[in-house]
Each structure stands twice: as structure tokens, then as C-alpha cells.
Amino acid sequence: MDKYFSGFRDDYVEHLISSNEEFIITFDANILLNLYRYEPKTRDAVIALFKNIKKNSKLELWLSHQVALEFNENRFSAKDNKKQGFDEVKKVFGTFNKQVKGLSKIGGKTTNLDKLRKSLSKHIKVINEELSKFENEIVRDKTKGPDRVFNTIYQLFSGHVGEPFDVSELERLYCVGEERYQNNVPPGYEDSKKTRFKNYAGISIDSRFGDLIMWFQIIEHAKAAKKPVVLVIEDVKGDWLSKDFSRVRPELINEHYHKAGQCFYAVSLSQFDYIFKDLVSSKLTDKAKNEIASLTESDSKWLDDIIKAFEHYGGTCTLKDVYEFIKNNSERDFPVTWETIVRRTIYNHCSQLSAFLGGEDRFEKLSSGRYRLKYDL
């Protein structure tokens, strides 16, 4: 049964670890691009994890050509995203400050609210100073010296990037991909509505098939290296993960074994850190794991609610419409900054904006604060 259906085993992870001594460790593009979005301590912890993987003789650090291409093409957007997030924080605090000043005038001086405002002003001053300090750090990171993340990735993966597919291979893959996507065969079919193209060495690469290109490049490398593959991924779409199994889809495990003759698994950074703790000495802190999870949450949990809001309004609406719909139609717990998370998620999925992360291009900006869903689900 294992020869044909190992992906359906409930103990597949234990089976993977116990039956293999060496592994290829590879990543999707968002794992690398998120290094620009993490706080410095989290970023350094993830880089340390990469370095420890490379040092271990039983682990081969490797990157598919498609992922390397997406990293190079999207790194500036990822860098700008941090500034975008800071601008949102600054805007929220500025609104709060104005509201405090306005409310303190209600009822005149007899209410003592003006006294409260004056008491708060010293704390507001400190916050403004911290905001200015952080903004200066962002500006320095953008303008001074080399790009540390870029240089680190290039050093780590030098000599460890796969070969690209040529034109004929891509054309064949596109034909296969069209049929797979029509039948919801994973991975990548949830990207079927993408409209962007990437260019490499005079070859135009259809972004709809980015995940599928990565998938077949991983299979080819595993076949040549004769080693099992662990893909570290932050993509939580249904064309990668199974709700029934709460892990990577069994179909992918089975297809990889059938075509490469090797085991395959996909995990998040935090899961990798836990599963391979005996082989990798570095350990992500709980704070780092929480930050990594929070970035994933904006795409995995809020995007569905946002799309439902757009569909409710016929595909076109304002940010205020989205906030109102989610507030009235969701039973989730709302963090203080939930509106900022919603807004950021829309920005991250709109290719017209600098905050676009190079993934799903779901929204079109029509005017200030007004957007359109690019396609119906």
C-alpha cells in the first residue's frame, strides 16, 4: 500500500523521519520575501535557521529556479511593504490623537477631560518620538549600504539553485497545467486567475503556473539527487493543504513519490523548526513564531472574509464597506488593529500598489479607498 498510497498515512511525518536519513530542504518565495517584513530579531532567527540547515551534512539547502526568480522580482515590493505597514500604524495613532483632542473639548472645562488630555500628552509625546525613531530606521535601511537580506540569500544559496525550464518545457507544462487546473488537480489551481507575466532570459513565464513550475522543478531535482524533499511554505491555500488531514495534501505526496521515487512533505517554518529540532540546533522563539504566524494569518484567515464582502456588494466596494460587512458578519475575535490588517491584506493582493507581495492579484484599485474584485470565485 505504501508504494501507491503513502500520502494517506496518518503517521506520515513519523514515517518520513524514520525511513530517511538525508533530506533536501527547499522553500517557497514568501518564506524568503517575509525576511523583509519581520522584525530584526525574527529575521535574524530565521536566517540562523537557514545557516544551520546548510551546515548539516544530512540536509541539502536548495532553491528551485522559479522561487529564486520570484524572490528577485518581488524583493523591492516586500521591502516597501514594511514602510506601508508603518504608515498605517502612524495614521491610526494620528487619528487617535485627533480624537482625544476633539473629545476633550466636549462639555467644556467642567468635565475635566481637558485635564486628562494634558495628562496623556506626555505619553503621546513619547509615542511620537518612538514613531519618528522607527521611521528613521526604515529610511536608513532603504538608503544606506547593501541589502542585507538580498546578500544573505545570495550567499546561502550560491551553487544551490536549480536550472530553469526552457521554452519547450514550459510550453508543455502550460498544456498540462491547463488540464490540471480545470480539474482542480494540485498544486497551483487557485492561482488560475492571475494575469501577470515574469520574464527571464527572454522567456515569458505565465504567473498562473508559478506554483506548478516550482512543483515540477522540485520533482526533477529530487529524482536526480535521489533524496526526499521537505518544502518549507507559508501558503495555506487549499491547493496545497488538506483540511481533512490538516497537512499537505496526500495527492501531492503520492504524485511526488510516483514521479521522483522519493518522499515529499510540506511544512511551515514553525513546523519545520519542531519536526527537525534534532537535526537543526537553532530554535525559533515563541515570539518569532507568533510574528511569523501573524503574517500568514492576514492572508489565510482575513482574505476569505474580504472576498465575501466584495461579493456581497457585487464585486465593487469601498474599504469602509468591507469593514462594515466583516464587523457585522463574522464571529471571529477582532484585534485592536483588525481594520489595518484588512486594509493591508487588500494592499498585499493588489498589483497596482507597492505593498503587493507578488502572490494572488485579487483586487483592482478604482479610486482612493475604492476597489474591485478581479474575478468571481
Protein backbone atom coordinates (compact mmCIF):
# COMPACT_ATOMS: atom_id res chain seq x y z
CA MET A 1 0.00 0.00 0.00
CA ASP A 2 2.82 2.44 0.84
CA LYS A 3 4.10 2.27 -2.72
CA TYR A 4 0.88 3.80 -4.02
CA PHE A 5 -0.85 5.47 -1.06
CA SER A 6 1.78 6.57 1.48
CA GLY A 7 0.35 10.11 1.41
CA PHE A 8 -2.77 8.88 3.15
CA ARG A 9 -0.94 7.51 6.20
CA ASP A 10 -1.97 9.18 9.46
CA ASP A 11 1.60 8.74 10.71
CA TYR A 12 3.22 10.02 7.54
CA VAL A 13 5.52 12.51 9.31
CA GLU A 14 6.85 9.84 11.67
CA HIS A 15 7.26 7.51 8.69
CA LEU A 16 9.16 10.20 6.75
CA ILE A 17 11.61 10.84 9.57
CA SER A 18 12.20 7.21 10.50
CA SER A 19 12.68 5.94 6.94
CA ASN A 20 15.10 8.62 5.69
CA GLU A 21 18.45 9.92 6.87
CA GLU A 22 19.03 12.74 4.37
CA PHE A 23 16.68 15.45 3.10
CA ILE A 24 16.51 18.25 0.54
CA ILE A 25 15.20 21.36 2.28
CA THR A 26 13.67 23.92 -0.04
CA PHE A 27 11.43 27.00 0.30
CA ASP A 28 8.68 28.91 -1.41
CA ALA A 29 9.21 32.56 -2.34
CA ASN A 30 7.17 34.01 0.54
CA ILE A 31 9.48 32.41 3.11
CA LEU A 32 12.34 34.44 1.65
CA LEU A 33 10.37 37.63 0.97
CA ASN A 34 8.98 37.68 4.50
CA LEU A 35 12.51 38.29 5.76
CA TYR A 36 11.93 41.89 4.69
CA ARG A 37 8.75 42.08 6.74
CA TYR A 38 9.88 40.54 10.02
CA GLU A 39 11.22 42.48 12.95
CA PRO A 40 15.06 42.26 13.14
CA LYS A 41 15.18 39.55 15.86
CA THR A 42 12.75 37.31 13.99
CA ARG A 43 14.58 37.89 10.71
CA ASP A 44 17.92 37.01 12.33
CA ALA A 45 16.43 33.85 13.89
CA VAL A 46 15.14 32.64 10.53
CA ILE A 47 18.47 33.39 8.83
CA ALA A 48 20.24 31.47 11.60
CA LEU A 49 17.94 28.54 10.89
CA PHE A 50 18.89 28.66 7.19
CA LYS A 51 22.59 28.70 8.08
CA ASN A 52 22.25 25.72 10.42
CA ILE A 53 20.46 23.76 7.71
CA LYS A 54 23.33 24.45 5.33
CA LYS A 55 25.90 23.35 7.93
CA ASN A 56 24.21 19.97 8.49
CA SER A 57 25.64 17.26 6.25
CA LYS A 58 22.31 15.39 6.25
CA LEU A 59 20.37 18.37 4.94
CA GLU A 60 20.77 19.83 1.44
CA LEU A 61 19.75 23.50 1.22
CA TRP A 62 18.30 24.04 -2.24
CA LEU A 63 16.10 26.51 -4.12
CA SER A 64 14.07 25.94 -7.27
CA HIS A 65 14.78 28.35 -10.11
CA GLN A 66 11.17 29.57 -10.11
CA VAL A 67 11.36 30.58 -6.42
CA ALA A 68 14.72 32.31 -6.95
CA LEU A 69 13.17 34.26 -9.84
CA GLU A 70 10.14 35.31 -7.75
CA PHE A 71 12.41 36.42 -4.90
CA ASN A 72 14.50 38.61 -7.21
CA GLU A 73 11.47 40.14 -8.92
CA ASN A 74 9.45 40.86 -5.77
CA ARG A 75 12.01 41.85 -3.15
CA PHE A 76 11.53 45.61 -3.65
CA SER A 77 7.78 45.26 -3.16
CA ALA A 78 8.42 43.29 0.02
CA LYS A 79 10.79 46.00 1.30
CA ASP A 80 8.21 48.70 0.60
CA ASN A 81 5.58 46.71 2.48
CA LYS A 82 7.27 47.41 5.81
CA LYS A 83 7.05 51.16 5.16
CA GLN A 84 3.42 50.71 4.13
CA GLY A 85 2.67 48.95 7.42
CA PHE A 86 4.40 51.67 9.41
CA ASP A 87 2.40 54.35 7.59
CA GLU A 88 -0.79 52.57 8.65
CA VAL A 89 0.33 52.50 12.31
CA LYS A 90 1.25 56.18 12.15
CA LYS A 91 -2.11 57.01 10.58
CA VAL A 92 -4.06 55.09 13.25
CA PHE A 93 -2.19 56.84 16.05
CA GLY A 94 -2.64 60.24 14.41
CA THR A 95 -6.40 59.64 14.21
CA PHE A 96 -6.46 58.59 17.86
CA ASN A 97 -4.59 61.74 18.89
CA LYS A 98 -7.04 63.96 17.00
CA GLN A 99 -10.00 62.16 18.55
CA VAL A 100 -8.62 62.66 22.06
CA LYS A 101 -8.19 66.38 21.40
CA GLY A 102 -11.69 66.66 19.99
CA LEU A 103 -13.39 64.69 22.76
CA SER A 104 -11.58 66.66 25.45
CA LYS A 105 -13.50 69.78 24.39
CA ILE A 106 -16.93 68.20 24.89
CA GLY A 107 -18.72 69.77 27.83
CA GLY A 108 -16.11 72.45 28.35
CA LYS A 109 -13.56 72.57 31.15
CA THR A 110 -16.08 71.46 33.77
CA THR A 111 -15.77 67.84 32.63
CA ASN A 112 -12.03 67.67 33.44
CA LEU A 113 -11.47 65.92 30.10
CA ASP A 114 -9.02 68.64 29.13
CA LYS A 115 -7.06 67.80 32.26
CA LEU A 116 -6.99 64.16 31.12
CA ARG A 117 -5.76 65.25 27.68
CA LYS A 118 -2.90 67.22 29.21
CA SER A 119 -2.00 64.22 31.35
CA LEU A 120 -1.94 61.98 28.29
CA SER A 121 0.08 64.47 26.23
CA LYS A 122 3.41 63.46 27.81
CA HIS A 123 2.76 59.82 26.83
CA ILE A 124 1.67 60.85 23.35
CA LYS A 125 4.92 62.77 23.00
CA VAL A 126 6.91 59.63 23.87
CA ILE A 127 4.95 57.60 21.31
CA ASN A 128 5.58 60.21 18.63
CA GLU A 129 9.29 60.09 19.42
CA GLU A 130 9.27 56.28 19.06
CA LEU A 131 7.42 56.55 15.75
CA SER A 132 9.98 59.02 14.44
CA LYS A 133 12.84 56.78 15.56
CA PHE A 134 11.32 53.75 13.83
CA GLU A 135 10.64 55.75 10.66
CA ASN A 136 14.26 56.89 10.57
CA GLU A 137 15.38 53.26 10.86
CA ILE A 138 13.22 52.29 7.89
CA VAL A 139 14.64 55.14 5.83
CA ARG A 140 18.21 54.16 6.77
CA ASP A 141 17.54 50.51 5.89
CA LYS A 142 16.32 51.60 2.45
CA THR A 143 19.06 54.05 1.64
CA LYS A 144 22.26 53.05 3.41
CA GLY A 145 24.62 50.27 2.46
CA PRO A 146 23.85 46.94 0.83
CA ASP A 147 20.63 44.97 1.16
CA ARG A 148 21.45 42.52 3.96
CA VAL A 149 18.62 40.09 3.19
CA PHE A 150 19.50 40.05 -0.50
CA ASN A 151 23.19 39.44 0.18
CA THR A 152 22.46 36.73 2.75
CA ILE A 153 20.14 34.83 0.40
CA TYR A 154 22.69 35.04 -2.41
CA GLN A 155 25.48 33.76 -0.14
CA LEU A 156 23.41 30.94 1.33
CA PHE A 157 22.09 29.63 -1.97
CA SER A 158 25.16 30.21 -4.12
CA GLY A 159 25.55 26.98 -6.11
CA HIS A 160 22.28 25.65 -4.66
CA VAL A 161 19.71 26.93 -7.18
CA GLY A 162 18.12 24.65 -9.75
CA GLU A 163 18.21 25.10 -13.51
CA PRO A 164 15.34 26.88 -15.31
CA PHE A 165 12.97 25.15 -17.69
CA ASP A 166 13.48 26.05 -21.33
CA VAL A 167 10.73 27.31 -23.64
CA SER A 168 9.68 23.86 -24.84
CA GLU A 169 9.47 22.51 -21.29
CA LEU A 170 7.38 25.50 -20.20
CA GLU A 171 5.03 25.18 -23.16
CA ARG A 172 4.50 21.51 -22.38
CA LEU A 173 3.92 22.33 -18.71
CA TYR A 174 1.36 25.03 -19.58
CA CYS A 175 -0.67 22.49 -21.56
CA VAL A 176 -0.52 20.06 -18.65
CA GLY A 177 -1.35 22.87 -16.24
CA GLU A 178 -4.45 23.96 -18.15
CA GLU A 179 -5.90 20.47 -17.86
CA ARG A 180 -4.87 20.09 -14.21
CA TYR A 181 -6.40 23.42 -13.22
CA GLN A 182 -9.68 22.63 -14.99
CA ASN A 183 -9.93 19.53 -12.79
CA ASN A 184 -8.60 21.17 -9.60
CA VAL A 185 -5.50 18.98 -9.53
CA PRO A 186 -3.00 20.48 -7.05
CA PRO A 187 -0.87 22.47 -6.75
CA GLY A 188 -1.49 25.92 -8.19
CA TYR A 189 -5.07 25.81 -9.43
CA GLU A 190 -6.09 28.56 -7.00
CA ASP A 191 -3.77 30.87 -8.96
CA SER A 192 -5.60 30.19 -12.22
CA LYS A 193 -6.93 33.76 -12.47
CA LYS A 194 -3.57 35.50 -12.24
CA THR A 195 -2.77 37.75 -15.18
CA ARG A 196 0.86 38.74 -14.62
CA PHE A 197 3.90 37.52 -16.52
CA LYS A 198 7.51 37.28 -15.42
CA ASN A 199 10.43 37.47 -17.80
CA TYR A 200 13.68 35.57 -17.58
CA ALA A 201 16.42 35.46 -20.24
CA GLY A 202 13.97 36.41 -22.96
CA ILE A 203 11.38 33.84 -21.84
CA SER A 204 7.92 34.99 -20.73
CA ILE A 205 6.70 32.99 -17.75
CA ASP A 206 2.97 32.79 -17.04
CA SER A 207 2.41 33.58 -13.34
CA ARG A 208 -0.68 31.36 -13.25
CA PHE A 209 1.65 28.40 -13.30
CA GLY A 210 4.28 29.64 -10.82
CA ASP A 211 3.49 27.02 -8.18
CA LEU A 212 3.26 24.29 -10.78
CA ILE A 213 6.63 25.22 -12.27
CA MET A 214 8.15 25.12 -8.77
CA TRP A 215 6.47 21.75 -8.16
CA PHE A 216 7.90 20.10 -11.27
CA GLN A 217 11.34 21.62 -10.68
CA ILE A 218 11.30 20.11 -7.17
CA ILE A 219 10.31 16.73 -8.59
CA GLU A 220 13.13 16.83 -11.16
CA HIS A 221 15.73 17.71 -8.54
CA ALA A 222 14.54 15.02 -6.13
CA LYS A 223 14.71 12.46 -8.92
CA ALA A 224 18.28 13.44 -9.81
CA ALA A 225 19.52 13.76 -6.21
CA LYS A 226 17.65 10.63 -5.04
CA LYS A 227 16.64 12.30 -1.79
CA PRO A 228 13.29 13.09 -0.13
CA VAL A 229 12.15 16.72 -0.15
CA VAL A 230 10.78 18.95 2.59
CA LEU A 231 9.23 22.15 1.24
CA VAL A 232 9.00 24.98 3.78
CA ILE A 233 5.99 27.02 2.79
CA GLU A 234 3.66 29.63 4.23
CA ASP A 235 0.97 29.07 1.59
CA VAL A 236 -2.19 27.82 3.30
CA LYS A 237 -4.45 27.65 0.22
CA GLY A 238 -6.50 24.55 -0.44
CA ASP A 239 -4.38 23.55 -3.43
CA TRP A 240 -1.52 22.78 -1.02
CA LEU A 241 -3.10 21.82 2.29
CA SER A 242 -5.81 19.29 3.10
CA LYS A 243 -8.48 20.25 5.64
CA ASP A 244 -9.22 16.58 6.30
CA PHE A 245 -5.62 15.70 7.10
CA SER A 246 -4.61 19.14 8.49
CA ARG A 247 -1.37 18.92 6.50
CA VAL A 248 -0.05 18.80 2.95
CA ARG A 249 -2.46 17.13 0.56
CA PRO A 250 -1.99 13.35 0.18
CA GLU A 251 -2.27 13.70 -3.62
CA LEU A 252 0.93 15.76 -3.66
CA ILE A 253 2.83 13.26 -1.54
CA ASN A 254 1.68 10.42 -3.79
CA GLU A 255 2.42 12.26 -7.05
CA HIS A 256 5.90 13.19 -5.88
CA TYR A 257 6.69 9.58 -4.93
CA HIS A 258 5.27 8.29 -8.23
CA LYS A 259 7.30 10.72 -10.38
CA ALA A 260 10.50 11.14 -8.34
CA GLY A 261 10.58 7.88 -6.38
CA GLN A 262 11.11 9.92 -3.20
CA CYS A 263 9.11 11.04 -0.18
CA PHE A 264 7.75 14.59 -0.01
CA TYR A 265 6.34 16.80 2.71
CA ALA A 266 5.47 20.49 3.13
CA VAL A 267 5.59 22.37 6.44
CA SER A 268 5.55 25.89 7.83
CA LEU A 269 8.69 27.41 9.32
CA SER A 270 7.46 26.72 12.84
CA GLN A 271 6.59 23.13 11.99
CA PHE A 272 9.99 22.59 10.39
CA ASP A 273 11.69 24.00 13.48
CA TYR A 274 9.81 21.49 15.64
CA ILE A 275 9.98 18.39 13.41
CA PHE A 276 13.69 18.75 12.64
CA LYS A 277 14.79 20.03 16.05
CA ASP A 278 17.20 17.11 16.43
CA LEU A 279 18.99 17.98 13.18
CA VAL A 280 18.90 21.78 13.40
CA SER A 281 20.36 23.28 16.55
CA SER A 282 18.78 26.75 16.29
CA LYS A 283 15.30 27.20 17.73
CA LEU A 284 12.71 29.83 16.86
CA THR A 285 11.43 31.66 19.92
CA ASP A 286 7.71 31.79 20.70
CA LYS A 287 7.78 35.50 19.86
CA ALA A 288 9.31 34.76 16.45
CA LYS A 289 6.73 32.02 15.77
CA ASN A 290 3.91 34.37 16.71
CA GLU A 291 5.17 37.04 14.31
CA ILE A 292 5.55 34.50 11.51
CA ALA A 293 2.02 33.22 12.18
CA SER A 294 0.54 36.73 12.26
CA LEU A 295 1.83 37.49 8.76
CA THR A 296 0.35 34.25 7.46
CA GLU A 297 -2.96 34.96 9.21
CA SER A 298 -3.56 38.13 7.21
CA ASP A 299 -3.65 36.06 4.03
CA SER A 300 -5.15 32.82 5.31
CA LYS A 301 -7.96 33.99 7.60
CA TRP A 302 -8.90 37.51 6.57
CA LEU A 303 -8.77 37.16 2.79
CA ASP A 304 -11.82 34.88 2.67
CA ASP A 305 -13.88 37.36 4.69
CA ILE A 306 -12.72 40.22 2.48
CA ILE A 307 -13.73 38.38 -0.69
CA LYS A 308 -17.16 37.61 0.81
CA ALA A 309 -17.58 41.34 1.47
CA PHE A 310 -16.77 42.21 -2.14
CA GLU A 311 -19.15 39.54 -3.43
CA HIS A 312 -21.89 40.91 -1.15
CA TYR A 313 -21.51 44.32 -2.79
CA GLY A 314 -21.42 42.92 -6.31
CA GLY A 315 -17.64 42.90 -6.67
CA THR A 316 -17.00 46.63 -6.15
CA CYS A 317 -16.95 48.48 -2.83
CA THR A 318 -15.05 50.82 -0.54
CA LEU A 319 -12.78 49.93 2.35
CA LYS A 320 -15.49 51.19 4.73
CA ASP A 321 -17.95 48.80 3.11
CA VAL A 322 -15.54 45.91 3.72
CA TYR A 323 -15.05 46.87 7.38
CA GLU A 324 -18.79 47.16 7.94
CA PHE A 325 -19.57 43.81 6.31
CA ILE A 326 -16.87 41.91 8.22
CA LYS A 327 -17.86 43.54 11.52
CA ASN A 328 -21.50 42.50 11.05
CA ASN A 329 -20.97 39.06 9.54
CA SER A 330 -18.00 37.50 11.32
CA GLU A 331 -17.81 35.76 14.69
CA ARG A 332 -14.02 35.99 14.84
CA ASP A 333 -12.13 37.75 17.61
CA PHE A 334 -11.24 41.25 16.45
CA PRO A 335 -7.80 42.55 17.48
CA VAL A 336 -7.47 46.29 18.04
CA THR A 337 -5.80 46.74 14.66
CA TRP A 338 -8.18 44.50 12.69
CA GLU A 339 -9.13 47.22 10.20
CA THR A 340 -5.43 47.81 9.49
CA ILE A 341 -4.96 44.05 8.93
CA VAL A 342 -7.90 44.01 6.49
CA ARG A 343 -6.59 47.05 4.62
CA ARG A 344 -3.06 45.62 4.48
CA THR A 345 -4.38 42.30 3.14
CA ILE A 346 -6.14 44.10 0.29
CA TYR A 347 -2.97 46.09 -0.46
CA ASN A 348 -0.90 42.87 -0.43
CA HIS A 349 -3.19 41.44 -3.11
CA CYS A 350 -3.37 44.45 -5.45
CA SER A 351 -0.61 44.61 -8.07
CA GLN A 352 -1.16 48.35 -8.62
CA LEU A 353 0.21 49.11 -5.14
CA SER A 354 3.78 48.97 -3.84
CA ALA A 355 2.62 46.70 -0.99
CA PHE A 356 1.79 43.90 -3.48
CA LEU A 357 3.71 40.76 -2.49
CA GLY A 358 3.74 39.10 -5.89
CA GLY A 359 1.18 36.44 -4.98
CA GLU A 360 -2.51 36.41 -5.80
CA ASP A 361 -3.55 39.58 -7.62
CA ARG A 362 -7.16 39.73 -6.40
CA PHE A 363 -8.12 43.42 -6.33
CA GLU A 364 -8.08 46.41 -8.69
CA LYS A 365 -7.86 49.94 -7.31
CA LEU A 366 -10.54 52.15 -8.87
CA SER A 367 -10.06 55.31 -6.80
CA SER A 368 -8.98 56.33 -3.30
CA GLY A 369 -10.44 53.76 -0.92
CA ARG A 370 -12.48 52.01 -3.64
CA TYR A 371 -11.60 48.60 -5.11
CA ARG A 372 -12.95 45.90 -7.38
CA LEU A 373 -12.65 42.13 -7.05
CA LYS A 374 -10.77 41.00 -10.15
CA TYR A 375 -12.75 37.81 -10.66
CA ASP A 376 -15.61 35.80 -9.22
CA LEU A 377 -14.84 32.72 -7.15
